[in-house]
Amino acid sequence: MGRDILLLGDDDLTSIAAALSGLPRRICVLDVDERIVRFVRDVAQDQGWDHVHAEVYDVRDELPSHLRGQFDVFFTDPVDTVKGLLLFLSRCTEGVRGPGAAGYFGLSYLEASWRKWRQIQQGILDMGFAITDMLSAFQDYLLEDIVFLDWARIAPVPVKEPDIPFYVSTVYRLEMVEEPRPLFFGWVEFEQDFYYDEEFCGKE
């Protein structure tokens, strides 16, 4: 209660749910999708929420100076590549105040091996966080049209559309225990390894 929250990416509209709870003191949404930003702004205006803000932001850019070191909590749900996930977490690290701040993000089993988990966890520790909790299979996603994906077409047995969610992610809780140490600074150019790696299974 009374926390300042940063959401880096908000296609699930977690900001709206948080605002409806009445608990956060301030909510800031950063998203590259202008439609999401407009929607959050419109809802905030309609509800009279002057503590909810949203702005367009490209994670390739460093965090705007007016947002650095301003938040107690962050939430993000980035891509499952090592570089992509650590870039999102690094930008969030720029936004937190320091020791005692907390962060949350999701990581799947389907597209992230234990080796990848270890690489990501090492990056988390290097940024000054401790991993305090992991809620296994906390989020699930109902994927459609999987029969058209490459791995479904070449499977040795027929693949049908699933009737239950099978793509799940574990939610991590982090707590900053040292001074924040972002891993990325300034502009970061996206290459293919930001979106895709050898464990990516959604290729069409």
N, C-alpha and C. Protein backbone atom coordinates (compact mmCIF):
# COMPACT_ATOMS: atom_id res chain seq x y z
N MET A 1 0.84 -1.19 0.00
CA MET A 1 0.00 0.00 0.00
C MET A 1 0.88 1.24 0.00
N GLY A 2 0.49 2.24 -0.80
CA GLY A 2 1.24 3.48 -0.84
C GLY A 2 2.54 3.37 -1.59
N ARG A 3 2.64 2.42 -2.54
CA ARG A 3 3.86 2.22 -3.31
C ARG A 3 3.76 2.87 -4.68
N ASP A 4 4.91 3.22 -5.23
CA ASP A 4 5.00 3.73 -6.60
C ASP A 4 5.40 2.58 -7.50
N ILE A 5 4.58 2.31 -8.53
CA ILE A 5 4.73 1.11 -9.34
C ILE A 5 5.06 1.48 -10.79
N LEU A 6 6.05 0.79 -11.35
CA LEU A 6 6.43 0.93 -12.75
C LEU A 6 6.05 -0.34 -13.49
N LEU A 7 5.31 -0.20 -14.59
CA LEU A 7 4.97 -1.33 -15.45
C LEU A 7 5.62 -1.13 -16.80
N LEU A 8 6.58 -1.97 -17.13
CA LEU A 8 7.26 -1.90 -18.42
C LEU A 8 6.61 -2.91 -19.35
N GLY A 9 5.72 -2.40 -20.20
CA GLY A 9 4.86 -3.26 -21.01
C GLY A 9 3.61 -3.58 -20.21
N ASP A 10 2.43 -3.38 -20.84
CA ASP A 10 1.21 -3.59 -20.07
C ASP A 10 0.07 -4.09 -20.96
N ASP A 11 0.38 -5.08 -21.81
CA ASP A 11 -0.67 -5.57 -22.68
C ASP A 11 -1.73 -6.37 -21.94
N ASP A 12 -1.44 -6.78 -20.70
CA ASP A 12 -2.46 -7.43 -19.87
C ASP A 12 -3.25 -6.43 -19.02
N LEU A 13 -2.90 -5.14 -19.14
CA LEU A 13 -3.57 -4.06 -18.41
C LEU A 13 -3.54 -4.28 -16.90
N THR A 14 -2.40 -4.73 -16.42
CA THR A 14 -2.20 -4.89 -14.98
C THR A 14 -2.34 -3.55 -14.26
N SER A 15 -2.01 -2.48 -14.95
CA SER A 15 -2.11 -1.14 -14.34
C SER A 15 -3.54 -0.83 -13.94
N ILE A 16 -4.51 -1.24 -14.76
CA ILE A 16 -5.92 -0.97 -14.45
C ILE A 16 -6.34 -1.75 -13.21
N ALA A 17 -5.95 -3.03 -13.16
CA ALA A 17 -6.27 -3.85 -12.00
C ALA A 17 -5.65 -3.26 -10.73
N ALA A 18 -4.40 -2.81 -10.84
CA ALA A 18 -3.73 -2.23 -9.68
C ALA A 18 -4.43 -0.95 -9.23
N ALA A 19 -4.84 -0.13 -10.18
CA ALA A 19 -5.53 1.11 -9.83
C ALA A 19 -6.88 0.83 -9.17
N LEU A 20 -7.58 -0.17 -9.67
CA LEU A 20 -8.88 -0.52 -9.08
C LEU A 20 -8.74 -1.00 -7.64
N SER A 21 -7.58 -1.55 -7.29
CA SER A 21 -7.38 -2.01 -5.91
C SER A 21 -7.30 -0.85 -4.93
N GLY A 22 -6.96 0.33 -5.43
CA GLY A 22 -6.83 1.49 -4.57
C GLY A 22 -5.59 1.51 -3.71
N LEU A 23 -4.66 0.60 -3.95
CA LEU A 23 -3.49 0.47 -3.07
C LEU A 23 -2.27 1.29 -3.51
N PRO A 24 -1.91 1.32 -4.81
CA PRO A 24 -0.71 2.06 -5.19
C PRO A 24 -0.86 3.57 -5.02
N ARG A 25 0.23 4.22 -4.69
CA ARG A 25 0.25 5.68 -4.63
C ARG A 25 0.41 6.27 -6.02
N ARG A 26 1.19 5.60 -6.86
CA ARG A 26 1.46 6.08 -8.21
C ARG A 26 1.68 4.89 -9.12
N ILE A 27 1.14 4.97 -10.34
CA ILE A 27 1.30 3.92 -11.33
C ILE A 27 1.79 4.56 -12.62
N CYS A 28 2.89 4.04 -13.15
CA CYS A 28 3.43 4.54 -14.41
C CYS A 28 3.56 3.39 -15.39
N VAL A 29 2.92 3.53 -16.55
CA VAL A 29 2.96 2.51 -17.60
C VAL A 29 3.86 3.01 -18.73
N LEU A 30 4.80 2.17 -19.12
CA LEU A 30 5.63 2.44 -20.29
C LEU A 30 5.40 1.33 -21.30
N ASP A 31 5.01 1.70 -22.51
CA ASP A 31 4.72 0.68 -23.53
C ASP A 31 5.03 1.25 -24.90
N VAL A 32 5.55 0.41 -25.78
CA VAL A 32 5.86 0.86 -27.14
C VAL A 32 4.60 0.96 -27.99
N ASP A 33 3.53 0.32 -27.57
CA ASP A 33 2.28 0.29 -28.31
C ASP A 33 1.43 1.51 -27.93
N GLU A 34 1.26 2.42 -28.86
CA GLU A 34 0.50 3.64 -28.58
C GLU A 34 -0.95 3.35 -28.23
N ARG A 35 -1.50 2.25 -28.73
CA ARG A 35 -2.90 1.91 -28.43
C ARG A 35 -3.07 1.60 -26.95
N ILE A 36 -2.12 0.88 -26.37
CA ILE A 36 -2.19 0.56 -24.95
C ILE A 36 -2.06 1.83 -24.12
N VAL A 37 -1.12 2.69 -24.51
CA VAL A 37 -0.91 3.94 -23.79
C VAL A 37 -2.18 4.80 -23.82
N ARG A 38 -2.80 4.92 -25.01
CA ARG A 38 -4.03 5.71 -25.12
C ARG A 38 -5.14 5.12 -24.27
N PHE A 39 -5.26 3.80 -24.28
CA PHE A 39 -6.33 3.16 -23.52
C PHE A 39 -6.15 3.41 -22.02
N VAL A 40 -4.95 3.22 -21.52
CA VAL A 40 -4.70 3.45 -20.09
C VAL A 40 -4.98 4.91 -19.74
N ARG A 41 -4.56 5.83 -20.58
CA ARG A 41 -4.83 7.26 -20.34
C ARG A 41 -6.33 7.55 -20.33
N ASP A 42 -7.05 6.95 -21.29
CA ASP A 42 -8.49 7.19 -21.37
C ASP A 42 -9.21 6.65 -20.12
N VAL A 43 -8.85 5.44 -19.70
CA VAL A 43 -9.48 4.87 -18.51
C VAL A 43 -9.15 5.72 -17.28
N ALA A 44 -7.89 6.14 -17.17
CA ALA A 44 -7.49 6.97 -16.02
C ALA A 44 -8.27 8.27 -16.00
N GLN A 45 -8.47 8.87 -17.17
CA GLN A 45 -9.23 10.12 -17.24
C GLN A 45 -10.70 9.88 -16.86
N ASP A 46 -11.29 8.82 -17.40
CA ASP A 46 -12.69 8.52 -17.12
C ASP A 46 -12.91 8.24 -15.63
N GLN A 47 -11.93 7.59 -14.99
CA GLN A 47 -12.07 7.21 -13.59
C GLN A 47 -11.59 8.31 -12.64
N GLY A 48 -10.99 9.35 -13.18
CA GLY A 48 -10.47 10.42 -12.34
C GLY A 48 -9.21 10.01 -11.58
N TRP A 49 -8.42 9.13 -12.18
CA TRP A 49 -7.19 8.65 -11.52
C TRP A 49 -6.03 9.57 -11.91
N ASP A 50 -5.74 10.54 -11.11
CA ASP A 50 -4.63 11.43 -11.44
C ASP A 50 -3.28 10.84 -11.04
N HIS A 51 -3.30 9.66 -10.42
CA HIS A 51 -2.04 9.01 -10.04
C HIS A 51 -1.61 7.93 -11.03
N VAL A 52 -2.36 7.78 -12.13
CA VAL A 52 -2.04 6.79 -13.16
C VAL A 52 -1.56 7.51 -14.42
N HIS A 53 -0.36 7.18 -14.86
CA HIS A 53 0.24 7.83 -16.03
C HIS A 53 0.71 6.76 -17.01
N ALA A 54 0.72 7.11 -18.28
CA ALA A 54 1.20 6.19 -19.32
C ALA A 54 1.91 7.00 -20.39
N GLU A 55 3.00 6.45 -20.88
CA GLU A 55 3.71 7.11 -21.96
C GLU A 55 4.35 6.07 -22.89
N VAL A 56 4.52 6.48 -24.13
CA VAL A 56 5.15 5.61 -25.12
C VAL A 56 6.64 5.53 -24.83
N TYR A 57 7.15 4.32 -24.81
CA TYR A 57 8.57 4.12 -24.51
C TYR A 57 9.08 2.89 -25.25
N ASP A 58 10.23 3.04 -25.86
CA ASP A 58 10.91 1.96 -26.57
C ASP A 58 12.05 1.46 -25.69
N VAL A 59 12.03 0.18 -25.35
CA VAL A 59 13.00 -0.36 -24.41
C VAL A 59 14.43 -0.28 -24.94
N ARG A 60 14.59 -0.02 -26.23
CA ARG A 60 15.93 0.17 -26.76
C ARG A 60 16.58 1.44 -26.21
N ASP A 61 15.75 2.40 -25.78
CA ASP A 61 16.25 3.64 -25.19
C ASP A 61 16.53 3.46 -23.72
N GLU A 62 17.47 4.27 -23.20
CA GLU A 62 17.64 4.28 -21.75
C GLU A 62 16.37 4.84 -21.12
N LEU A 63 16.17 4.53 -19.85
CA LEU A 63 14.97 5.01 -19.18
C LEU A 63 15.02 6.54 -19.09
N PRO A 64 13.90 7.22 -19.37
CA PRO A 64 13.90 8.68 -19.27
C PRO A 64 14.38 9.15 -17.89
N SER A 65 15.09 10.25 -17.86
CA SER A 65 15.73 10.72 -16.63
C SER A 65 14.72 11.00 -15.52
N HIS A 66 13.51 11.43 -15.88
CA HIS A 66 12.54 11.77 -14.85
C HIS A 66 11.92 10.54 -14.18
N LEU A 67 12.26 9.35 -14.70
CA LEU A 67 11.73 8.12 -14.12
C LEU A 67 12.79 7.31 -13.39
N ARG A 68 14.02 7.71 -13.45
CA ARG A 68 15.09 6.93 -12.83
C ARG A 68 15.05 7.07 -11.30
N GLY A 69 15.14 5.93 -10.64
CA GLY A 69 15.17 5.94 -9.18
C GLY A 69 13.91 6.44 -8.52
N GLN A 70 12.75 6.23 -9.16
CA GLN A 70 11.51 6.80 -8.67
C GLN A 70 10.50 5.77 -8.15
N PHE A 71 10.80 4.48 -8.24
CA PHE A 71 9.75 3.48 -7.99
C PHE A 71 10.16 2.47 -6.92
N ASP A 72 9.12 1.98 -6.23
CA ASP A 72 9.30 0.96 -5.19
C ASP A 72 9.13 -0.45 -5.74
N VAL A 73 8.34 -0.57 -6.81
CA VAL A 73 7.98 -1.88 -7.36
C VAL A 73 7.94 -1.77 -8.88
N PHE A 74 8.37 -2.84 -9.56
CA PHE A 74 8.17 -2.90 -11.00
C PHE A 74 7.56 -4.24 -11.38
N PHE A 75 6.88 -4.24 -12.52
CA PHE A 75 6.36 -5.48 -13.11
C PHE A 75 6.61 -5.43 -14.60
N THR A 76 7.13 -6.53 -15.16
CA THR A 76 7.34 -6.61 -16.60
C THR A 76 7.16 -8.05 -17.04
N ASP A 77 6.78 -8.24 -18.29
CA ASP A 77 6.58 -9.58 -18.85
C ASP A 77 7.22 -9.61 -20.23
N PRO A 78 8.54 -9.69 -20.28
CA PRO A 78 9.27 -9.54 -21.54
C PRO A 78 9.37 -10.85 -22.32
N VAL A 79 10.10 -10.78 -23.43
CA VAL A 79 10.37 -11.98 -24.22
C VAL A 79 11.25 -12.93 -23.41
N ASP A 80 11.31 -14.20 -23.85
CA ASP A 80 12.03 -15.22 -23.10
C ASP A 80 13.47 -15.44 -23.54
N THR A 81 14.02 -14.55 -24.36
CA THR A 81 15.44 -14.67 -24.69
C THR A 81 16.25 -14.05 -23.56
N VAL A 82 17.49 -14.51 -23.43
CA VAL A 82 18.34 -14.00 -22.35
C VAL A 82 18.56 -12.50 -22.52
N LYS A 83 18.96 -12.08 -23.71
CA LYS A 83 19.25 -10.66 -23.93
C LYS A 83 18.00 -9.81 -23.76
N GLY A 84 16.88 -10.27 -24.31
CA GLY A 84 15.65 -9.49 -24.23
C GLY A 84 15.17 -9.34 -22.80
N LEU A 85 15.16 -10.43 -22.07
CA LEU A 85 14.66 -10.38 -20.70
C LEU A 85 15.57 -9.53 -19.81
N LEU A 86 16.88 -9.69 -19.97
CA LEU A 86 17.80 -8.92 -19.13
C LEU A 86 17.77 -7.43 -19.50
N LEU A 87 17.50 -7.11 -20.76
CA LEU A 87 17.36 -5.70 -21.13
C LEU A 87 16.15 -5.08 -20.44
N PHE A 88 15.01 -5.78 -20.47
CA PHE A 88 13.82 -5.27 -19.78
C PHE A 88 14.09 -5.09 -18.29
N LEU A 89 14.70 -6.10 -17.67
CA LEU A 89 14.98 -6.01 -16.24
C LEU A 89 15.99 -4.90 -15.95
N SER A 90 16.93 -4.70 -16.85
CA SER A 90 17.92 -3.63 -16.65
C SER A 90 17.25 -2.27 -16.68
N ARG A 91 16.32 -2.05 -17.60
CA ARG A 91 15.61 -0.77 -17.64
C ARG A 91 14.79 -0.58 -16.36
N CYS A 92 14.18 -1.66 -15.89
CA CYS A 92 13.43 -1.57 -14.63
C CYS A 92 14.35 -1.26 -13.46
N THR A 93 15.56 -1.82 -13.51
CA THR A 93 16.54 -1.56 -12.45
C THR A 93 16.88 -0.08 -12.39
N GLU A 94 16.94 0.57 -13.55
CA GLU A 94 17.17 2.01 -13.57
C GLU A 94 16.05 2.77 -12.86
N GLY A 95 14.86 2.17 -12.84
CA GLY A 95 13.71 2.89 -12.30
C GLY A 95 13.50 2.76 -10.81
N VAL A 96 14.14 1.75 -10.16
CA VAL A 96 13.86 1.54 -8.74
C VAL A 96 14.74 2.43 -7.86
N ARG A 97 14.27 2.66 -6.64
CA ARG A 97 14.94 3.59 -5.74
C ARG A 97 16.22 3.02 -5.13
N GLY A 98 16.23 1.72 -4.89
CA GLY A 98 17.42 1.13 -4.27
C GLY A 98 17.04 -0.05 -3.41
N PRO A 99 17.89 -0.42 -2.47
CA PRO A 99 17.62 -1.57 -1.61
C PRO A 99 16.22 -1.51 -0.99
N GLY A 100 15.54 -2.65 -1.04
CA GLY A 100 14.17 -2.73 -0.53
C GLY A 100 13.13 -2.70 -1.63
N ALA A 101 13.50 -2.21 -2.82
CA ALA A 101 12.57 -2.21 -3.95
C ALA A 101 12.35 -3.65 -4.42
N ALA A 102 11.20 -3.90 -5.01
CA ALA A 102 10.85 -5.25 -5.46
C ALA A 102 10.46 -5.24 -6.93
N GLY A 103 10.60 -6.40 -7.57
CA GLY A 103 10.21 -6.51 -8.97
C GLY A 103 9.62 -7.87 -9.26
N TYR A 104 8.78 -7.93 -10.30
CA TYR A 104 8.12 -9.17 -10.69
C TYR A 104 8.19 -9.33 -12.20
N PHE A 105 8.42 -10.56 -12.66
CA PHE A 105 8.40 -10.85 -14.09
C PHE A 105 8.10 -12.33 -14.28
N GLY A 106 7.70 -12.68 -15.50
CA GLY A 106 7.36 -14.07 -15.81
C GLY A 106 8.40 -14.71 -16.71
N LEU A 107 8.61 -16.01 -16.53
CA LEU A 107 9.54 -16.78 -17.35
C LEU A 107 8.94 -18.16 -17.59
N SER A 108 8.90 -18.58 -18.85
CA SER A 108 8.24 -19.85 -19.18
C SER A 108 9.18 -21.03 -19.05
N TYR A 109 8.58 -22.22 -19.03
CA TYR A 109 9.34 -23.46 -19.15
C TYR A 109 9.49 -23.84 -20.62
N LEU A 110 8.47 -23.56 -21.41
CA LEU A 110 8.40 -24.06 -22.78
C LEU A 110 9.53 -23.52 -23.64
N GLU A 111 9.87 -22.25 -23.45
CA GLU A 111 10.89 -21.64 -24.29
C GLU A 111 12.15 -21.26 -23.50
N ALA A 112 12.30 -21.82 -22.31
CA ALA A 112 13.47 -21.48 -21.49
C ALA A 112 13.95 -22.72 -20.75
N SER A 113 15.09 -23.22 -21.15
CA SER A 113 15.69 -24.38 -20.50
C SER A 113 16.30 -23.97 -19.15
N TRP A 114 16.70 -24.98 -18.38
CA TRP A 114 17.36 -24.67 -17.11
C TRP A 114 18.65 -23.90 -17.34
N ARG A 115 19.33 -24.17 -18.43
CA ARG A 115 20.55 -23.42 -18.76
C ARG A 115 20.23 -21.93 -18.94
N LYS A 116 19.15 -21.67 -19.65
CA LYS A 116 18.75 -20.27 -19.85
C LYS A 116 18.31 -19.65 -18.53
N TRP A 117 17.57 -20.40 -17.73
CA TRP A 117 17.17 -19.90 -16.42
C TRP A 117 18.40 -19.48 -15.62
N ARG A 118 19.44 -20.30 -15.66
CA ARG A 118 20.65 -19.99 -14.90
C ARG A 118 21.31 -18.70 -15.40
N GLN A 119 21.36 -18.51 -16.73
CA GLN A 119 21.94 -17.29 -17.28
C GLN A 119 21.15 -16.06 -16.84
N ILE A 120 19.83 -16.18 -16.86
CA ILE A 120 18.98 -15.06 -16.45
C ILE A 120 19.14 -14.80 -14.95
N GLN A 121 19.16 -15.86 -14.17
CA GLN A 121 19.32 -15.70 -12.73
C GLN A 121 20.65 -15.05 -12.39
N GLN A 122 21.71 -15.40 -13.13
CA GLN A 122 23.01 -14.78 -12.89
C GLN A 122 22.95 -13.28 -13.18
N GLY A 123 22.26 -12.91 -14.26
CA GLY A 123 22.09 -11.50 -14.57
C GLY A 123 21.31 -10.76 -13.50
N ILE A 124 20.30 -11.41 -12.95
CA ILE A 124 19.51 -10.82 -11.87
C ILE A 124 20.39 -10.52 -10.66
N LEU A 125 21.22 -11.49 -10.29
CA LEU A 125 22.12 -11.30 -9.15
C LEU A 125 23.13 -10.19 -9.43
N ASP A 126 23.63 -10.13 -10.67
CA ASP A 126 24.61 -9.11 -11.02
C ASP A 126 24.02 -7.70 -10.93
N MET A 127 22.72 -7.57 -11.13
CA MET A 127 22.08 -6.25 -11.04
C MET A 127 21.82 -5.82 -9.60
N GLY A 128 22.05 -6.72 -8.63
CA GLY A 128 21.88 -6.36 -7.23
C GLY A 128 20.64 -6.91 -6.57
N PHE A 129 19.93 -7.81 -7.28
CA PHE A 129 18.71 -8.39 -6.73
C PHE A 129 18.98 -9.73 -6.05
N ALA A 130 18.11 -10.08 -5.12
CA ALA A 130 17.97 -11.45 -4.63
C ALA A 130 16.64 -11.98 -5.17
N ILE A 131 16.61 -13.27 -5.48
CA ILE A 131 15.37 -13.92 -5.90
C ILE A 131 14.70 -14.45 -4.64
N THR A 132 13.56 -13.87 -4.29
CA THR A 132 12.93 -14.22 -3.02
C THR A 132 11.81 -15.26 -3.16
N ASP A 133 11.13 -15.26 -4.30
CA ASP A 133 9.99 -16.18 -4.48
C ASP A 133 9.85 -16.53 -5.95
N MET A 134 9.32 -17.74 -6.22
CA MET A 134 8.99 -18.17 -7.57
C MET A 134 7.65 -18.90 -7.51
N LEU A 135 6.66 -18.35 -8.18
CA LEU A 135 5.32 -18.95 -8.21
C LEU A 135 5.19 -19.75 -9.49
N SER A 136 5.35 -21.07 -9.39
CA SER A 136 5.40 -21.93 -10.57
C SER A 136 4.05 -21.97 -11.29
N ALA A 137 4.13 -21.93 -12.64
CA ALA A 137 2.93 -22.02 -13.49
C ALA A 137 1.84 -21.06 -13.03
N PHE A 138 2.23 -19.84 -12.70
CA PHE A 138 1.29 -18.86 -12.17
C PHE A 138 0.43 -18.25 -13.28
N GLN A 139 1.04 -18.01 -14.44
CA GLN A 139 0.31 -17.43 -15.55
C GLN A 139 0.18 -18.46 -16.67
N ASP A 140 -0.97 -18.50 -17.30
CA ASP A 140 -1.11 -19.36 -18.46
C ASP A 140 -1.68 -18.57 -19.63
N TYR A 141 -1.34 -19.05 -20.82
CA TYR A 141 -1.73 -18.37 -22.04
C TYR A 141 -2.37 -19.38 -22.98
N LEU A 142 -3.51 -19.03 -23.54
CA LEU A 142 -4.18 -19.91 -24.49
C LEU A 142 -3.72 -19.51 -25.89
N LEU A 143 -2.82 -20.31 -26.45
CA LEU A 143 -2.30 -20.04 -27.79
C LEU A 143 -3.22 -20.65 -28.84
N GLU A 144 -3.41 -19.91 -29.93
CA GLU A 144 -4.28 -20.37 -31.00
C GLU A 144 -3.47 -20.64 -32.27
N ASP A 145 -4.03 -21.46 -33.14
CA ASP A 145 -3.44 -21.75 -34.45
C ASP A 145 -2.06 -22.39 -34.34
N ILE A 146 -1.83 -23.20 -33.31
CA ILE A 146 -0.51 -23.82 -33.18
C ILE A 146 -0.27 -24.88 -34.24
N VAL A 147 -1.34 -25.39 -34.86
CA VAL A 147 -1.15 -26.43 -35.90
C VAL A 147 -0.42 -25.87 -37.11
N PHE A 148 -0.31 -24.55 -37.22
CA PHE A 148 0.38 -23.94 -38.36
C PHE A 148 1.83 -23.61 -38.05
N LEU A 149 2.28 -23.85 -36.82
CA LEU A 149 3.67 -23.59 -36.48
C LEU A 149 4.56 -24.69 -37.04
N ASP A 150 5.83 -24.33 -37.28
CA ASP A 150 6.76 -25.28 -37.89
C ASP A 150 6.86 -26.59 -37.12
N TRP A 151 7.01 -26.49 -35.80
CA TRP A 151 7.21 -27.70 -35.01
C TRP A 151 5.98 -28.59 -35.02
N ALA A 152 4.79 -27.99 -35.19
CA ALA A 152 3.57 -28.79 -35.26
C ALA A 152 3.46 -29.50 -36.62
N ARG A 153 3.90 -28.83 -37.67
CA ARG A 153 3.81 -29.40 -39.01
C ARG A 153 4.76 -30.58 -39.20
N ILE A 154 5.92 -30.53 -38.53
CA ILE A 154 6.90 -31.60 -38.72
C ILE A 154 6.84 -32.67 -37.63
N ALA A 155 5.91 -32.53 -36.72
CA ALA A 155 5.78 -33.51 -35.63
C ALA A 155 5.47 -34.89 -36.19
N PRO A 156 5.98 -35.97 -35.56
CA PRO A 156 5.75 -37.33 -36.07
C PRO A 156 4.33 -37.83 -35.83
N VAL A 157 3.56 -37.10 -35.04
CA VAL A 157 2.16 -37.47 -34.79
C VAL A 157 1.29 -36.25 -35.08
N PRO A 158 0.02 -36.45 -35.38
CA PRO A 158 -0.85 -35.30 -35.65
C PRO A 158 -0.97 -34.38 -34.43
N VAL A 159 -0.90 -33.09 -34.68
CA VAL A 159 -1.02 -32.10 -33.62
C VAL A 159 -2.35 -31.36 -33.79
N LYS A 160 -3.16 -31.39 -32.75
CA LYS A 160 -4.44 -30.70 -32.78
C LYS A 160 -4.39 -29.44 -31.93
N GLU A 161 -5.35 -28.56 -32.15
CA GLU A 161 -5.44 -27.36 -31.32
C GLU A 161 -5.70 -27.78 -29.87
N PRO A 162 -4.97 -27.22 -28.91
CA PRO A 162 -5.17 -27.60 -27.51
C PRO A 162 -6.50 -27.09 -26.97
N ASP A 163 -7.06 -27.84 -26.04
CA ASP A 163 -8.31 -27.39 -25.42
C ASP A 163 -8.07 -26.92 -23.99
N ILE A 164 -6.81 -26.91 -23.55
CA ILE A 164 -6.45 -26.36 -22.24
C ILE A 164 -5.18 -25.54 -22.42
N PRO A 165 -4.97 -24.55 -21.54
CA PRO A 165 -3.72 -23.78 -21.63
C PRO A 165 -2.51 -24.67 -21.34
N PHE A 166 -1.50 -24.58 -22.19
CA PHE A 166 -0.30 -25.39 -21.99
C PHE A 166 0.96 -24.53 -21.91
N TYR A 167 0.84 -23.28 -22.29
CA TYR A 167 1.99 -22.37 -22.23
C TYR A 167 1.88 -21.60 -20.91
N VAL A 168 2.71 -21.95 -19.97
CA VAL A 168 2.62 -21.35 -18.64
C VAL A 168 3.94 -20.69 -18.28
N SER A 169 3.89 -19.73 -17.39
CA SER A 169 5.13 -19.08 -16.94
C SER A 169 5.15 -18.98 -15.43
N THR A 170 6.35 -19.03 -14.92
CA THR A 170 6.60 -18.87 -13.50
C THR A 170 6.85 -17.40 -13.20
N VAL A 171 6.21 -16.87 -12.18
CA VAL A 171 6.43 -15.48 -11.79
C VAL A 171 7.53 -15.42 -10.74
N TYR A 172 8.53 -14.64 -11.04
CA TYR A 172 9.62 -14.38 -10.11
C TYR A 172 9.32 -13.13 -9.29
N ARG A 173 9.72 -13.17 -8.01
CA ARG A 173 9.76 -11.95 -7.21
C ARG A 173 11.22 -11.67 -6.86
N LEU A 174 11.64 -10.45 -7.12
CA LEU A 174 13.00 -10.02 -6.84
C LEU A 174 12.97 -8.92 -5.77
N GLU A 175 14.03 -8.85 -5.00
CA GLU A 175 14.19 -7.72 -4.07
C GLU A 175 15.60 -7.17 -4.20
N MET A 176 15.68 -5.85 -4.34
CA MET A 176 16.97 -5.19 -4.46
C MET A 176 17.65 -5.16 -3.09
N VAL A 177 18.85 -5.73 -3.02
CA VAL A 177 19.56 -5.81 -1.74
C VAL A 177 20.86 -5.01 -1.76
N GLU A 178 21.24 -4.51 -2.94
CA GLU A 178 22.41 -3.67 -3.08
C GLU A 178 22.04 -2.45 -3.91
N GLU A 179 22.99 -1.58 -4.16
CA GLU A 179 22.71 -0.46 -5.05
C GLU A 179 22.44 -1.00 -6.46
N PRO A 180 21.44 -0.48 -7.15
CA PRO A 180 21.09 -0.99 -8.48
C PRO A 180 22.26 -0.89 -9.46
N ARG A 181 22.45 -1.98 -10.23
CA ARG A 181 23.52 -2.01 -11.22
C ARG A 181 22.94 -2.49 -12.56
N PRO A 182 22.37 -1.60 -13.35
CA PRO A 182 21.83 -2.01 -14.66
C PRO A 182 22.91 -2.64 -15.52
N LEU A 183 22.51 -3.57 -16.37
CA LEU A 183 23.45 -4.24 -17.26
C LEU A 183 23.60 -3.52 -18.60
N PHE A 184 22.63 -2.70 -18.96
CA PHE A 184 22.65 -2.00 -20.24
C PHE A 184 22.52 -0.50 -20.00
N PHE A 185 23.22 0.26 -20.81
CA PHE A 185 23.16 1.71 -20.74
C PHE A 185 23.00 2.28 -22.15
N GLY A 186 22.27 3.39 -22.24
CA GLY A 186 22.10 4.03 -23.53
C GLY A 186 21.29 3.19 -24.50
N TRP A 187 21.40 3.56 -25.79
CA TRP A 187 20.64 2.89 -26.85
C TRP A 187 21.17 1.48 -27.07
N VAL A 188 20.25 0.52 -27.24
CA VAL A 188 20.61 -0.86 -27.54
C VAL A 188 19.94 -1.25 -28.85
N GLU A 189 20.73 -1.63 -29.84
CA GLU A 189 20.19 -2.02 -31.12
C GLU A 189 19.67 -3.45 -31.05
N PHE A 190 18.45 -3.67 -31.54
CA PHE A 190 17.88 -5.01 -31.56
C PHE A 190 18.47 -5.82 -32.70
N GLU A 191 18.85 -7.04 -32.40
CA GLU A 191 19.21 -8.01 -33.41
C GLU A 191 18.29 -9.22 -33.23
N GLN A 192 18.46 -10.23 -34.06
CA GLN A 192 17.56 -11.38 -34.01
C GLN A 192 17.56 -12.06 -32.65
N ASP A 193 18.72 -12.03 -31.96
CA ASP A 193 18.79 -12.73 -30.68
C ASP A 193 18.01 -12.05 -29.57
N PHE A 194 17.48 -10.84 -29.85
CA PHE A 194 16.61 -10.20 -28.87
C PHE A 194 15.25 -10.89 -28.84
N TYR A 195 14.74 -11.30 -29.99
CA TYR A 195 13.42 -11.91 -30.09
C TYR A 195 13.46 -13.44 -30.15
N TYR A 196 14.47 -13.99 -30.81
CA TYR A 196 14.49 -15.41 -31.10
C TYR A 196 15.80 -16.04 -30.66
N ASP A 197 15.73 -17.28 -30.21
CA ASP A 197 16.92 -18.07 -29.98
C ASP A 197 16.59 -19.51 -30.33
N GLU A 198 17.53 -20.43 -30.07
CA GLU A 198 17.34 -21.82 -30.47
C GLU A 198 16.22 -22.51 -29.72
N GLU A 199 15.73 -21.90 -28.64
CA GLU A 199 14.66 -22.51 -27.85
C GLU A 199 13.29 -21.93 -28.18
N PHE A 200 13.24 -20.96 -29.07
CA PHE A 200 11.97 -20.34 -29.46
C PHE A 200 11.12 -21.34 -30.19
N CYS A 201 9.85 -21.49 -29.79
CA CYS A 201 8.98 -22.51 -30.39
C CYS A 201 7.79 -21.92 -31.13
N GLY A 202 7.71 -20.61 -31.25
CA GLY A 202 6.53 -20.00 -31.88
C GLY A 202 6.70 -19.64 -33.32
N LYS A 203 7.80 -20.08 -33.96
CA LYS A 203 8.05 -19.72 -35.35
C LYS A 203 7.01 -20.34 -36.27
N GLU A 204 6.54 -19.51 -37.19
CA GLU A 204 5.55 -20.01 -38.15
C GLU A 204 6.24 -20.41 -39.44
